C-alpha atoms as a PDB file:
ATOM      1  CA  MET A   1      14.401 111.165 -66.890  1.00  0.00           C
ATOM      2  CA  ALA A   2      13.445 107.489 -66.741  1.00  0.00           C
ATOM      3  CA  TYR A   3      12.241 105.650 -63.671  1.00  0.00           C
ATOM      4  CA  MET A   4      11.166 102.089 -62.964  1.00  0.00           C
ATOM      5  CA  THR A   5       9.619 100.684 -59.797  1.00  0.00           C
ATOM      6  CA  VAL A   6      11.110  97.349 -58.726  1.00  0.00           C
ATOM      7  CA  ASN A   7      10.491  95.629 -55.390  1.00  0.00           C
ATOM      8  CA  GLY A   8       8.346  98.627 -54.525  1.00  0.00           C
ATOM      9  CA  VAL A   9      11.266 101.060 -54.944  1.00  0.00           C
ATOM     10  CA  LYS A  10      11.467 103.762 -57.622  1.00  0.00           C
ATOM     11  CA  LEU A  11      14.864 103.599 -59.345  1.00  0.00           C
ATOM     12  CA  TYR A  12      16.316 106.146 -61.755  1.00  0.00           C
ATOM     13  CA  TYR A  13      18.041 104.693 -64.836  1.00  0.00           C
ATOM     14  CA  GLU A  14      19.490 105.636 -68.216  1.00  0.00           C
ATOM     15  CA  LEU A  15      20.038 103.637 -71.402  1.00  0.00           C
ATOM     16  CA  ALA A  16      22.645 104.879 -73.860  1.00  0.00           C
ATOM     17  CA  GLY A  17      24.895 103.675 -76.658  1.00  0.00           C
ATOM     18  CA  ASP A  18      23.870 101.337 -79.481  1.00  0.00           C
ATOM     19  CA  GLU A  19      20.343 100.171 -78.658  1.00  0.00           C
ATOM     20  CA  ARG A  20      20.711  97.271 -81.132  1.00  0.00           C
ATOM     21  CA  SER A  21      23.807  95.835 -79.454  1.00  0.00           C
ATOM     22  CA  GLN A  22      23.486  92.545 -77.581  1.00  0.00           C
ATOM     23  CA  GLU A  23      26.557  93.442 -75.520  1.00  0.00           C
ATOM     24  CA  VAL A  24      25.432  95.542 -72.565  1.00  0.00           C
ATOM     25  CA  VAL A  25      27.699  97.225 -70.019  1.00  0.00           C
ATOM     26  CA  ALA A  26      25.990  98.081 -66.721  1.00  0.00           C
ATOM     27  CA  PHE A  27      27.785 100.644 -64.563  1.00  0.00           C
ATOM     28  CA  PHE A  28      27.248 100.359 -60.790  1.00  0.00           C
ATOM     29  CA  ASN A  29      27.902 103.570 -58.835  1.00  0.00           C
ATOM     30  CA  GLY A  30      30.098 104.345 -55.878  1.00  0.00           C
ATOM     31  CA  VAL A  31      28.207 105.268 -52.722  1.00  0.00           C
ATOM     32  CA  MET A  32      28.258 109.066 -53.154  1.00  0.00           C
ATOM     33  CA  ALA A  33      27.959 108.943 -56.930  1.00  0.00           C
ATOM     34  CA  SER A  34      25.191 109.009 -59.518  1.00  0.00           C
ATOM     35  CA  THR A  35      24.845 108.021 -63.171  1.00  0.00           C
ATOM     36  CA  SER A  36      26.640 111.211 -64.266  1.00  0.00           C
ATOM     37  CA  SER A  37      29.800 110.036 -62.489  1.00  0.00           C
ATOM     38  CA  TRP A  38      30.583 107.657 -65.365  1.00  0.00           C
ATOM     39  CA  VAL A  39      31.048 110.410 -67.960  1.00  0.00           C
ATOM     40  CA  PHE A  40      34.609 109.368 -68.894  1.00  0.00           C
ATOM     41  CA  GLN A  41      33.760 105.663 -69.231  1.00  0.00           C
ATOM     42  CA  ARG A  42      30.418 106.169 -70.941  1.00  0.00           C
ATOM     43  CA  LYS A  43      31.953 107.980 -73.919  1.00  0.00           C
ATOM     44  CA  VAL A  44      34.492 105.216 -74.556  1.00  0.00           C
ATOM     45  CA  PHE A  45      31.943 102.390 -74.470  1.00  0.00           C
ATOM     46  CA  GLU A  46      29.469 104.314 -76.619  1.00  0.00           C
ATOM     47  CA  LYS A  47      32.213 104.775 -79.218  1.00  0.00           C
ATOM     48  CA  ALA A  48      32.998 101.049 -79.064  1.00  0.00           C
ATOM     49  CA  GLY A  49      29.380 100.167 -79.930  1.00  0.00           C
ATOM     50  CA  PHE A  50      28.094  98.845 -76.610  1.00  0.00           C
ATOM     51  CA  LYS A  51      24.664  99.375 -75.123  1.00  0.00           C
ATOM     52  CA  ILE A  52      25.027 101.072 -71.744  1.00  0.00           C
ATOM     53  CA  LEU A  53      22.845 100.856 -68.648  1.00  0.00           C
ATOM     54  CA  LEU A  54      23.297 103.182 -65.698  1.00  0.00           C
ATOM     55  CA  HIS A  55      21.153 103.488 -62.593  1.00  0.00           C
ATOM     56  CA  ASP A  56      21.167 104.888 -59.094  1.00  0.00           C
ATOM     57  CA  PHE A  57      20.775 102.362 -56.302  1.00  0.00           C
ATOM     58  CA  LYS A  58      18.003 103.054 -53.837  1.00  0.00           C
ATOM     59  CA  GLY A  59      19.317 105.631 -51.406  1.00  0.00           C
ATOM     60  CA  GLN A  60      21.337 107.404 -54.102  1.00  0.00           C
ATOM     61  CA  LEU A  61      20.820 110.847 -55.614  1.00  0.00           C
ATOM     62  CA  LEU A  62      18.005 110.331 -58.132  1.00  0.00           C
ATOM     63  CA  SER A  63      16.379 107.140 -56.836  1.00  0.00           C
ATOM     64  CA  GLU A  64      13.936 106.678 -53.975  1.00  0.00           C
ATOM     65  CA  LYS A  65      15.415 106.673 -50.480  1.00  0.00           C
ATOM     66  CA  PRO A  66      13.469 104.329 -48.193  1.00  0.00           C
ATOM     67  CA  SER A  67      14.581 103.875 -44.608  1.00  0.00           C
ATOM     68  CA  GLY A  68      17.720 101.762 -44.270  1.00  0.00           C
ATOM     69  CA  PRO A  69      19.899  99.973 -43.768  1.00  0.00           C
ATOM     70  CA  TYR A  70      19.505  97.890 -46.913  1.00  0.00           C
ATOM     71  CA  THR A  71      21.406  94.790 -47.998  1.00  0.00           C
ATOM     72  CA  PHE A  72      23.700  94.140 -50.935  1.00  0.00           C
ATOM     73  CA  ALA A  73      21.398  91.264 -51.874  1.00  0.00           C
ATOM     74  CA  GLN A  74      18.536  93.754 -52.222  1.00  0.00           C
ATOM     75  CA  HIS A  75      20.609  96.048 -54.440  1.00  0.00           C
ATOM     76  CA  ALA A  76      21.618  93.089 -56.612  1.00  0.00           C
ATOM     77  CA  ASP A  77      18.064  91.815 -56.917  1.00  0.00           C
ATOM     78  CA  GLU A  78      16.739  95.249 -57.810  1.00  0.00           C
ATOM     79  CA  ALA A  79      19.409  95.576 -60.491  1.00  0.00           C
ATOM     80  CA  ARG A  80      18.445  92.126 -61.795  1.00  0.00           C
ATOM     81  CA  LEU A  81      14.776  93.085 -62.000  1.00  0.00           C
ATOM     82  CA  LEU A  82      15.612  96.352 -63.758  1.00  0.00           C
ATOM     83  CA  ILE A  83      17.731  94.470 -66.296  1.00  0.00           C
ATOM     84  CA  LYS A  84      14.988  91.888 -66.802  1.00  0.00           C
ATOM     85  CA  GLU A  85      12.241  94.491 -67.300  1.00  0.00           C
ATOM     86  CA  LEU A  86      14.377  96.261 -69.885  1.00  0.00           C
ATOM     87  CA  GLY A  87      14.595  93.032 -71.880  1.00  0.00           C
ATOM     88  CA  ILE A  88      18.325  92.586 -71.351  1.00  0.00           C
ATOM     89  CA  ASP A  89      19.644  89.034 -71.115  1.00  0.00           C
ATOM     90  CA  LYS A  90      23.173  89.411 -69.691  1.00  0.00           C
ATOM     91  CA  VAL A  91      25.431  92.278 -68.702  1.00  0.00           C
ATOM     92  CA  HIS A  92      29.062  93.100 -68.231  1.00  0.00           C
ATOM     93  CA  ILE A  93      29.095  94.866 -64.860  1.00  0.00           C
ATOM     94  CA  VAL A  94      31.582  97.617 -64.101  1.00  0.00           C
ATOM     95  CA  GLY A  95      31.347  98.630 -60.446  1.00  0.00           C
ATOM     96  CA  THR A  96      33.386 101.115 -58.481  1.00  0.00           C
ATOM     97  CA  SER A  97      33.677 100.953 -54.669  1.00  0.00           C
ATOM     98  CA  TYR A  98      30.131 100.314 -53.343  1.00  0.00           C
ATOM     99  CA  GLY A  99      29.084  99.430 -56.889  1.00  0.00           C
ATOM    100  CA  GLY A 100      31.811  96.807 -57.108  1.00  0.00           C
ATOM    101  CA  GLU A 101      30.505  95.270 -53.917  1.00  0.00           C
ATOM    102  CA  VAL A 102      27.021  95.092 -55.403  1.00  0.00           C
ATOM    103  CA  ALA A 103      28.586  93.554 -58.528  1.00  0.00           C
ATOM    104  CA  MET A 104      30.148  90.754 -56.480  1.00  0.00           C
ATOM    105  CA  ARG A 105      26.838  90.048 -54.780  1.00  0.00           C
ATOM    106  CA  PHE A 106      25.133  90.050 -58.197  1.00  0.00           C
ATOM    107  CA  ALA A 107      27.659  87.590 -59.631  1.00  0.00           C
ATOM    108  CA  ILE A 108      27.218  85.284 -56.616  1.00  0.00           C
ATOM    109  CA  ASP A 109      23.416  85.373 -56.662  1.00  0.00           C
ATOM    110  CA  PHE A 110      22.662  85.638 -60.399  1.00  0.00           C
ATOM    111  CA  PRO A 111      25.575  84.136 -62.352  1.00  0.00           C
ATOM    112  CA  GLU A 112      23.368  83.388 -65.357  1.00  0.00           C
ATOM    113  CA  ARG A 113      22.867  87.129 -65.871  1.00  0.00           C
ATOM    114  CA  VAL A 114      26.563  88.112 -65.928  1.00  0.00           C
ATOM    115  CA  SER A 115      29.062  88.068 -68.789  1.00  0.00           C
ATOM    116  CA  SER A 116      31.907  89.605 -66.765  1.00  0.00           C
ATOM    117  CA  ILE A 117      32.517  91.816 -63.752  1.00  0.00           C
ATOM    118  CA  SER A 118      35.084  94.582 -63.339  1.00  0.00           C
ATOM    119  CA  LEU A 119      35.655  95.657 -59.733  1.00  0.00           C
ATOM    120  CA  ILE A 120      37.305  99.023 -59.088  1.00  0.00           C
ATOM    121  CA  ASP A 121      38.563  99.934 -55.603  1.00  0.00           C
ATOM    122  CA  SER A 122      36.159  97.575 -53.856  1.00  0.00           C
ATOM    123  CA  VAL A 123      36.274  95.372 -50.754  1.00  0.00           C
ATOM    124  CA  SER A 124      34.756  92.119 -49.550  1.00  0.00           C
ATOM    125  CA  GLU A 125      35.358  92.805 -45.864  1.00  0.00           C
ATOM    126  CA  LEU A 126      36.168  95.622 -43.415  1.00  0.00           C
ATOM    127  CA  ASP A 127      39.007  96.550 -41.134  1.00  0.00           C
ATOM    128  CA  GLU A 128      38.802  99.037 -38.276  1.00  0.00           C
ATOM    129  CA  VAL A 129      40.346 101.927 -40.221  1.00  0.00           C
ATOM    130  CA  LEU A 130      37.758 101.612 -42.990  1.00  0.00           C
ATOM    131  CA  ARG A 131      34.999 101.253 -40.418  1.00  0.00           C
ATOM    132  CA  LEU A 132      36.098 104.524 -38.769  1.00  0.00           C
ATOM    133  CA  PHE A 133      36.219 106.327 -42.125  1.00  0.00           C
ATOM    134  CA  VAL A 134      32.619 105.295 -42.820  1.00  0.00           C
ATOM    135  CA  ARG A 135      31.463 106.282 -39.350  1.00  0.00           C
ATOM    136  CA  GLY A 136      33.068 109.686 -39.900  1.00  0.00           C
ATOM    137  CA  TRP A 137      31.161 110.095 -43.155  1.00  0.00           C
ATOM    138  CA  LYS A 138      27.951 109.112 -41.413  1.00  0.00           C
ATOM    139  CA  ALA A 139      28.493 111.696 -38.691  1.00  0.00           C
ATOM    140  CA  ALA A 140      29.260 114.384 -41.276  1.00  0.00           C
ATOM    141  CA  ALA A 141      26.167 113.482 -43.304  1.00  0.00           C
ATOM    142  CA  GLY A 142      24.088 113.749 -40.143  1.00  0.00           C
ATOM    143  CA  GLU A 143      25.001 117.437 -39.844  1.00  0.00           C
ATOM    144  CA  ARG A 144      23.370 118.171 -43.249  1.00  0.00           C
ATOM    145  CA  ASP A 145      26.102 120.685 -44.098  1.00  0.00           C
ATOM    146  CA  ALA A 146      26.886 119.939 -47.765  1.00  0.00           C
ATOM    147  CA  THR A 147      30.079 121.980 -47.968  1.00  0.00           C
ATOM    148  CA  ARG A 148      31.582 120.601 -44.768  1.00  0.00           C
ATOM    149  CA  PHE A 149      30.559 117.070 -45.719  1.00  0.00           C
ATOM    150  CA  PHE A 150      32.226 117.342 -49.131  1.00  0.00           C
ATOM    151  CA  TRP A 151      35.533 118.673 -47.836  1.00  0.00           C
ATOM    152  CA  GLU A 152      35.688 116.101 -45.046  1.00  0.00           C
ATOM    153  CA  MET A 153      35.236 113.387 -47.669  1.00  0.00           C
ATOM    154  CA  VAL A 154      37.788 114.702 -50.215  1.00  0.00           C
ATOM    155  CA  PRO A 155      41.083 113.721 -48.508  1.00  0.00           C
ATOM    156  CA  THR A 156      39.841 110.199 -47.811  1.00  0.00           C
ATOM    157  CA  ILE A 157      39.204 109.377 -51.460  1.00  0.00           C
ATOM    158  CA  TYR A 158      41.411 111.491 -53.759  1.00  0.00           C
ATOM    159  CA  HIS A 159      45.175 111.285 -54.267  1.00  0.00           C
ATOM    160  CA  ASN A 160      47.140 114.388 -53.250  1.00  0.00           C
ATOM    161  CA  SER A 161      48.346 115.050 -56.807  1.00  0.00           C
ATOM    162  CA  PHE A 162      44.778 114.914 -58.126  1.00  0.00           C
ATOM    163  CA  ILE A 163      43.615 117.414 -55.502  1.00  0.00           C
ATOM    164  CA  GLU A 164      46.475 119.774 -56.377  1.00  0.00           C
ATOM    165  CA  ARG A 165      45.661 119.644 -60.102  1.00  0.00           C
ATOM    166  CA  ASN A 166      41.879 119.819 -59.775  1.00  0.00           C
ATOM    167  CA  MET A 167      41.080 122.202 -56.922  1.00  0.00           C
ATOM    168  CA  LYS A 168      38.765 124.350 -59.069  1.00  0.00           C
ATOM    169  CA  MET A 169      36.796 121.278 -60.171  1.00  0.00           C
ATOM    170  CA  LEU A 170      36.481 120.122 -56.572  1.00  0.00           C
ATOM    171  CA  GLN A 171      35.284 123.559 -55.479  1.00  0.00           C
ATOM    172  CA  ASP A 172      32.634 123.437 -58.220  1.00  0.00           C
ATOM    173  CA  ARG A 173      31.521 119.979 -57.071  1.00  0.00           C
ATOM    174  CA  ALA A 174      31.219 121.229 -53.503  1.00  0.00           C
ATOM    175  CA  LYS A 175      28.940 124.044 -54.678  1.00  0.00           C
ATOM    176  CA  ALA A 176      26.887 121.601 -56.770  1.00  0.00           C
ATOM    177  CA  LEU A 177      26.324 119.382 -53.735  1.00  0.00           C
ATOM    178  CA  GLU A 178      24.656 122.316 -51.991  1.00  0.00           C
ATOM    179  CA  LYS A 179      21.817 121.910 -54.514  1.00  0.00           C
ATOM    180  CA  ALA A 180      21.247 118.222 -53.714  1.00  0.00           C
ATOM    181  CA  PRO A 181      17.681 117.304 -52.666  1.00  0.00           C
ATOM    182  CA  ALA A 182      16.770 117.493 -48.996  1.00  0.00           C
ATOM    183  CA  ASP A 183      16.723 113.716 -48.635  1.00  0.00           C
ATOM    184  CA  TYR A 184      20.217 113.215 -50.090  1.00  0.00           C
ATOM    185  CA  PHE A 185      21.841 112.824 -46.687  1.00  0.00           C
ATOM    186  CA  ASP A 186      19.137 110.436 -45.483  1.00  0.00           C
ATOM    187  CA  GLY A 187      20.028 108.164 -48.384  1.00  0.00           C
ATOM    188  CA  GLN A 188      23.745 108.496 -47.726  1.00  0.00           C
ATOM    189  CA  ILE A 189      23.347 107.490 -44.096  1.00  0.00           C
ATOM    190  CA  ALA A 190      21.286 104.443 -45.100  1.00  0.00           C
ATOM    191  CA  LEU A 191      23.980 103.410 -47.599  1.00  0.00           C
ATOM    192  CA  TYR A 192      26.818 103.823 -45.096  1.00  0.00           C
ATOM    193  CA  GLU A 193      24.896 101.700 -42.598  1.00  0.00           C
ATOM    194  CA  THR A 194      24.364  99.073 -45.299  1.00  0.00           C
ATOM    195  CA  PHE A 195      28.067  99.010 -46.105  1.00  0.00           C
ATOM    196  CA  GLU A 196      29.167  98.680 -42.494  1.00  0.00           C
ATOM    197  CA  SER A 197      26.654  95.962 -41.620  1.00  0.00           C
ATOM    198  CA  ASP A 198      26.580  93.858 -44.796  1.00  0.00           C
ATOM    199  CA  VAL A 199      29.717  94.184 -46.942  1.00  0.00           C
ATOM    200  CA  TYR A 200      31.389  90.981 -45.716  1.00  0.00           C
ATOM    201  CA  MET A 201      31.395  88.372 -48.509  1.00  0.00           C
ATOM    202  CA  THR A 202      34.999  87.122 -48.659  1.00  0.00           C
ATOM    203  CA  ASP A 203      33.959  83.567 -47.817  1.00  0.00           C
ATOM    204  CA  GLU A 204      31.590  83.516 -50.802  1.00  0.00           C
ATOM    205  CA  LEU A 205      33.960  84.842 -53.443  1.00  0.00           C
ATOM    206  CA  HIS A 206      34.903  81.332 -54.575  1.00  0.00           C
ATOM    207  CA  LYS A 207      31.359  81.057 -55.938  1.00  0.00           C
ATOM    208  CA  ILE A 208      32.081  83.700 -58.583  1.00  0.00           C
ATOM    209  CA  GLN A 209      32.845  81.858 -61.807  1.00  0.00           C
ATOM    210  CA  THR A 210      32.383  84.732 -64.245  1.00  0.00           C
ATOM    211  CA  PRO A 211      35.457  86.438 -65.769  1.00  0.00           C
ATOM    212  CA  THR A 212      36.632  89.042 -63.269  1.00  0.00           C
ATOM    213  CA  LEU A 213      38.905  92.072 -63.451  1.00  0.00           C
ATOM    214  CA  VAL A 214      40.062  93.667 -60.190  1.00  0.00           C
ATOM    215  CA  VAL A 215      41.514  97.199 -60.354  1.00  0.00           C
ATOM    216  CA  CYS A 216      42.903  99.312 -57.512  1.00  0.00           C
ATOM    217  CA  GLY A 217      44.486 102.736 -57.205  1.00  0.00           C
ATOM    218  CA  GLU A 218      47.950 102.173 -55.737  1.00  0.00           C
ATOM    219  CA  ASP A 219      47.529 104.980 -53.200  1.00  0.00           C
ATOM    220  CA  ASP A 220      43.915 104.335 -52.217  1.00  0.00           C
ATOM    221  CA  ILE A 221      43.859 105.024 -48.461  1.00  0.00           C
ATOM    222  CA  LEU A 222      40.138 104.355 -48.053  1.00  0.00           C
ATOM    223  CA  LYS A 223      40.120 100.836 -49.519  1.00  0.00           C
ATOM    224  CA  PRO A 224      43.815  99.915 -49.816  1.00  0.00           C
ATOM    225  CA  ARG A 225      45.182  97.410 -52.315  1.00  0.00           C
ATOM    226  CA  LYS A 226      45.207  94.648 -49.680  1.00  0.00           C
ATOM    227  CA  PHE A 227      41.427  94.435 -50.078  1.00  0.00           C
ATOM    228  CA  SER A 228      41.634  94.130 -53.868  1.00  0.00           C
ATOM    229  CA  LYS A 229      44.254  91.407 -53.477  1.00  0.00           C
ATOM    230  CA  ILE A 230      41.919  89.465 -51.178  1.00  0.00           C
ATOM    231  CA  ILE A 231      39.259  89.608 -53.884  1.00  0.00           C
ATOM    232  CA  ALA A 232      41.612  88.690 -56.727  1.00  0.00           C
ATOM    233  CA  ASP A 233      43.080  85.788 -54.757  1.00  0.00           C
ATOM    234  CA  ARG A 234      39.659  84.357 -53.880  1.00  0.00           C
ATOM    235  CA  ILE A 235      38.109  84.501 -57.386  1.00  0.00           C
ATOM    236  CA  ASP A 236      39.479  81.820 -59.673  1.00  0.00           C
ATOM    237  CA  GLY A 237      41.207  83.281 -62.722  1.00  0.00           C
ATOM    238  CA  ALA A 238      40.698  86.917 -61.722  1.00  0.00           C
ATOM    239  CA  GLU A 239      42.927  89.485 -63.392  1.00  0.00           C
ATOM    240  CA  PHE A 240      44.469  92.087 -61.064  1.00  0.00           C
ATOM    241  CA  ALA A 241      45.758  95.546 -62.029  1.00  0.00           C
ATOM    242  CA  ILE A 242      47.168  98.342 -59.876  1.00  0.00           C
ATOM    243  CA  ILE A 243      47.172 101.922 -61.194  1.00  0.00           C
ATOM    244  CA  PRO A 244      50.046 104.111 -59.909  1.00  0.00           C
ATOM    245  CA  ASP A 245      49.645 107.665 -58.583  1.00  0.00           C
ATOM    246  CA  CYS A 246      45.946 107.071 -57.995  1.00  0.00           C
ATOM    247  CA  GLY A 247      43.664 107.224 -54.972  1.00  0.00           C
ATOM    248  CA  HIS A 248      40.192 105.787 -54.509  1.00  0.00           C
ATOM    249  CA  VAL A 249      38.278 107.544 -57.291  1.00  0.00           C
ATOM    250  CA  THR A 250      40.003 105.836 -60.193  1.00  0.00           C
ATOM    251  CA  ILE A 251      37.140 106.619 -62.590  1.00  0.00           C
ATOM    252  CA  PHE A 252      38.028 110.350 -62.266  1.00  0.00           C
ATOM    253  CA  GLU A 253      41.712 110.262 -61.388  1.00  0.00           C
ATOM    254  CA  LYS A 254      43.036 107.903 -64.083  1.00  0.00           C
ATOM    255  CA  PRO A 255      40.211 107.487 -66.618  1.00  0.00           C
ATOM    256  CA  ASP A 256      42.408 106.820 -69.652  1.00  0.00           C
ATOM    257  CA  VAL A 257      44.396 104.029 -68.005  1.00  0.00           C
ATOM    258  CA  LEU A 258      41.253 102.566 -66.467  1.00  0.00           C
ATOM    259  CA  ASN A 259      39.302 102.704 -69.725  1.00  0.00           C
ATOM    260  CA  SER A 260      42.023 100.799 -71.561  1.00  0.00           C
ATOM    261  CA  LEU A 261      41.887  98.075 -68.936  1.00  0.00           C
ATOM    262  CA  LEU A 262      38.088  97.913 -68.911  1.00  0.00           C
ATOM    263  CA  LEU A 263      37.590  97.993 -72.658  1.00  0.00           C
ATOM    264  CA  GLY A 264      40.262  95.389 -73.359  1.00  0.00           C
ATOM    265  CA  PHE A 265      38.921  93.049 -70.687  1.00  0.00           C
ATOM    266  CA  ILE A 266      35.273  93.364 -71.721  1.00  0.00           C
ATOM    267  CA  MET A 267      36.028  93.051 -75.440  1.00  0.00           C
ATOM    268  CA  LYS A 268      37.931  89.853 -74.662  1.00  0.00           C
ATOM    269  CA  HIS A 269      34.877  88.397 -72.949  1.00  0.00           C
ATOM    270  CA  SER A 270      32.233  89.627 -75.382  1.00  0.00           C
ATOM    271  CA  ARG A 271      30.214  87.161 -77.358  1.00  0.00           C
END
C-alpha cells in the first residue's frame, strides 16, 4: 500500500498500467468509493497501454480523515501535488460524482496539468432534492450503523433493474462495509458537508478549456440529467452522452457502454 503526504494530509494512491506510458489516466472517486471501485475501468485502460493513477481523497476509506468540511479546491490541489511528486506532467481525469466535481475544480484551477476530463453523473450546483438526499446520508452516517447506512443509500443511487439483478452482490458489499475502519463515517460526514457547502461552480465552468466528456445515467435520481446538461452547456465544445437504463453508479451499472465512451474520447485526445 502506497501513501504520500501532501499539504500535511496522508493520501493513499496506486499506480498501475504501463509505467513507461506518457499518457496517464487519473481516476477520481465518488464520495463513498475507493480506488477498488474502478475495477471495470482499470482493466480496459491497462489493456490499452495507459498508465493509471488512483487515489482516495482525504476523508475517504484509505486516506487520512482530518476534521471537515474541506473544499473542492483543496482536493484539487492535493491531487495536483500528488501528480507532481510522482513525476507526472499531465493527466486525463475520469471522475464520477464527487470525483467529477473535483475534476472540474482541477480543470479550472490547473488547466496546464489536464489533457482531458470525463465527468460521470456529476453536478456543478445543488437543488433542494439533492440537498435533502445528502442530509439524509449524513444523518445515517452519524448513526454508525454500517448495514442500515448501506441500505438507505442503495435506492438513491442504483437503478431498479440493477438492484434486481445484483442483490447478492449488494448484500456482500453491505457485509464488507461492516469491516470499514472506525473513522470511515467521520470521513463520510466531512465529505458530505464539503459537497453541500462548496459544490457550486456553474458560473466558473466557462473557464474550462480542456476537452470534456459529460456522461449521465438516464435514470439517475440522485443527480438527474438536468445537472449534466448544465455542465455540458456551459463548457465550450463538451461532448454529452446519456446511458439508458442506468442510475447514478454508471461505473458499475453500465461499465461496457461507459468504457467505450471513455476510451474513445481519451484516445482521441491523446498526444
